[in-house]
Amino acid sequence: MIIDKLIDAIKRTDNPSVIGLDTCLEYLPEDMLANVQNAKNAGEQIFEFNKNIVDKICDIVPAVKVQVAYYEMYGHEGMKAFADTIAYARSKGMLVIADVKRNDIGSTAGCYSKAYLSGTKVAGKVFTPFESEFITVNGYLGSDGILPFTKDCEEFEKGLFILVKTSNPTSGELQDKIMENGNTIYEEMSDLVSKWGESTIGKYGYSSVGAVVGATHRDQAAIIRKRAPHTFFLIPGYGAQGGKADDLAVCFTDGIGGIVNSSRGILCAYRNEKYAGLNYADAAYQASLDMRDDLNSAIKK
């Protein structure tokens, strides 16, 4: 199961974090920005920035999360950087979460899954243009929009992280609504994720069909963890969004149960006074170590 490979990687690095390569031009240092005259240059410099960070952190961080929106806005040149970033991180032994939040009706969901998980056939040959170990999915279309993904997860040893309780401040406008049975909508979604993941539970007792649960909502995360003991969490919101290590300790059981994302805090660490004098890649390396130690101090209490 792919979830076992992720947990093995977390154990090997002693690091329950995933670094978000949510890279835009504004994050690049001045000398790299000087090389950008058009969209082609933008894609090239963004990939170079990502590549140098991956080279620094690949031995100490188990995974990267690549958010497609930061690449789509630069058009096809940005999408080339997206594809190249995913391929390069995988070539360095890192697991990749493509943060694409895809879904639609069944047939269209299947097409999305082919792009990132299972592959598509052209002239008798199968290729997967953005092959990743995991993708993020919006489950609010219901089961017919999820089952094409879970089918491919079973067949091709891939995984999902389905939106359950997101880290944004207004997530409660919908997700915290109380239904007639007394459950919140996020609790109902958590139950569905557990059901969808029943066939992909690995040796550690967690499913390859996981949940996105924000670090900024500690109480709700505790409820979901109790409700869904076999669901592995992707935990955004740490660092720049305000989530702290102590807030997310409730997501873990015996040191396992989730992987915590940080993006700007790592990509822009070189602008932090704490890392003054370091170039962006070295600062990202040191910030990744500091994040690891901070998380472990809370998770392993």
Foldseek 3Di string as FASTA:
>chain_A
DLVVVLVVLCVQLVFQAAEELLDAPVLDDPVLNVQDDALLSRLVSSLVLLLLLLVQCVSRHAAYEYECVSQPVSPPSSVVSQQSSQVSSVVSVHAYEHEDQDWDAQVVLLVVCQQAFVFDDDPRDTDRSRHGQEYEYECVVDDRGCVSNLVSCVVGVHAYAYEQQAADPCSCVQQQDADPVGDGNSLVVLVVLLVSFPVAQDPVQAGRYAYEHELNCQVVLLVSCVSRVRHAYEYECPDPNDRFLLSCLSQDDQLGRYHYYDYCCQSNQCVPPVNDPDDSSVSSSVSSVVNRVRNCVNNVD
